[in-house]
Protein backbone atom coordinates (compact mmCIF):
# COMPACT_ATOMS: atom_id res chain seq x y z
CA MET A 1 -12.51 -12.51 -5.81
CA ALA A 2 -9.79 -10.00 -6.52
CA LYS A 3 -6.73 -9.81 -4.30
CA GLY A 4 -5.30 -6.50 -3.19
CA VAL A 5 -2.26 -5.41 -1.22
CA PHE A 6 -2.33 -2.02 0.49
CA TYR A 7 1.22 -0.77 1.10
CA HIS A 8 1.94 2.03 3.53
CA ALA A 9 4.64 3.33 5.86
CA GLY A 10 2.59 4.42 8.86
CA CYS A 11 2.60 8.17 8.17
CA PRO A 12 -0.62 10.14 8.79
CA VAL A 13 -1.40 10.28 5.04
CA CYS A 14 -0.99 6.50 4.80
CA VAL A 15 -3.10 5.73 7.86
CA GLU A 16 -5.93 7.97 6.68
CA ALA A 17 -5.84 6.44 3.19
CA GLU A 18 -5.92 2.94 4.67
CA GLN A 19 -8.99 3.75 6.76
CA VAL A 20 -10.85 5.34 3.85
CA PHE A 21 -10.00 2.67 1.28
CA LEU A 22 -10.73 -0.29 3.51
CA GLU A 23 -14.05 1.26 4.50
CA TYR A 24 -15.14 1.68 0.87
CA LEU A 25 -13.78 -1.45 -0.77
CA ASP A 26 -16.31 -4.26 -0.84
CA PRO A 27 -14.77 -7.18 1.11
CA THR A 28 -16.89 -9.64 -0.89
CA LYS A 29 -15.15 -8.46 -4.07
CA VAL A 30 -11.59 -7.61 -2.95
CA ALA A 31 -9.55 -9.37 -0.27
CA VAL A 32 -7.04 -6.77 0.93
CA GLU A 33 -3.81 -7.48 2.77
CA VAL A 34 -2.34 -4.46 4.56
CA VAL A 35 1.47 -4.23 4.56
CA HIS A 36 3.21 -1.65 6.78
CA LEU A 37 6.60 -1.25 5.07
CA GLY A 38 8.02 0.61 8.05
CA THR A 39 7.65 -2.44 10.26
CA ASP A 40 7.88 -5.15 7.57
CA ARG A 41 10.88 -3.91 5.61
CA SER A 42 11.38 -7.32 4.00
CA ARG A 43 8.38 -6.55 1.75
CA ILE A 44 9.84 -3.35 0.23
CA GLU A 45 11.38 -5.27 -2.69
CA GLU A 46 8.04 -6.98 -3.32
CA ALA A 47 6.33 -3.57 -3.46
CA GLU A 48 8.96 -2.28 -5.91
CA GLN A 49 8.55 -5.34 -8.14
CA ALA A 50 4.79 -4.76 -8.14
CA GLY A 51 5.41 -1.24 -9.46
CA VAL A 52 4.85 0.77 -6.29
CA LYS A 53 6.77 4.07 -6.43
CA SER A 54 5.33 5.77 -3.34
CA VAL A 55 3.07 5.00 -0.43
CA PRO A 56 0.24 4.81 0.26
CA ALA A 57 -0.56 2.59 -2.70
CA ILE A 58 -2.82 -0.34 -3.37
CA VAL A 59 -2.18 -3.09 -5.90
CA ILE A 60 -5.28 -4.89 -7.16
CA ASN A 61 -4.95 -7.61 -9.78
CA GLN A 62 -1.39 -6.46 -10.58
CA VAL A 63 -2.45 -2.84 -11.21
CA VAL A 64 -0.90 -0.18 -8.96
CA TYR A 65 -3.00 2.72 -7.69
CA HIS A 66 -0.92 5.42 -6.01
CA ILE A 67 -2.96 7.31 -3.44
CA ASN A 68 -2.08 10.87 -2.53
CA TYR A 69 1.61 11.09 -1.62
CA GLY A 70 3.02 10.10 1.73
CA ALA A 71 6.58 9.00 0.95
CA SER A 72 8.60 7.59 -1.93
CA LEU A 73 9.88 4.04 -1.56
CA ASP A 74 13.39 5.52 -1.50
CA ASP A 75 12.37 7.50 1.59
CA VAL A 76 10.95 4.34 3.17
CA LYS A 77 14.14 2.41 2.43
CA GLY A 78 16.26 5.17 3.96
CA SER A 79 14.37 5.34 7.23
């Protein structure tokens, strides 16, 4: 089973993307952890090291998929 991490910052774009992606990803194929970077700021560095440039984004098997555009990680760090 693949492992995924869905990073977001709680903005409306992020919340909508989370709902859509989690609805369509097959939970028997991808185990997804949701990380809200606005409330779990200690994980911002982890997201950066994974290659996340903006949120919402999902990382599956070390590949980053940026979804739409809610906020850059610099914006998240500054808030």
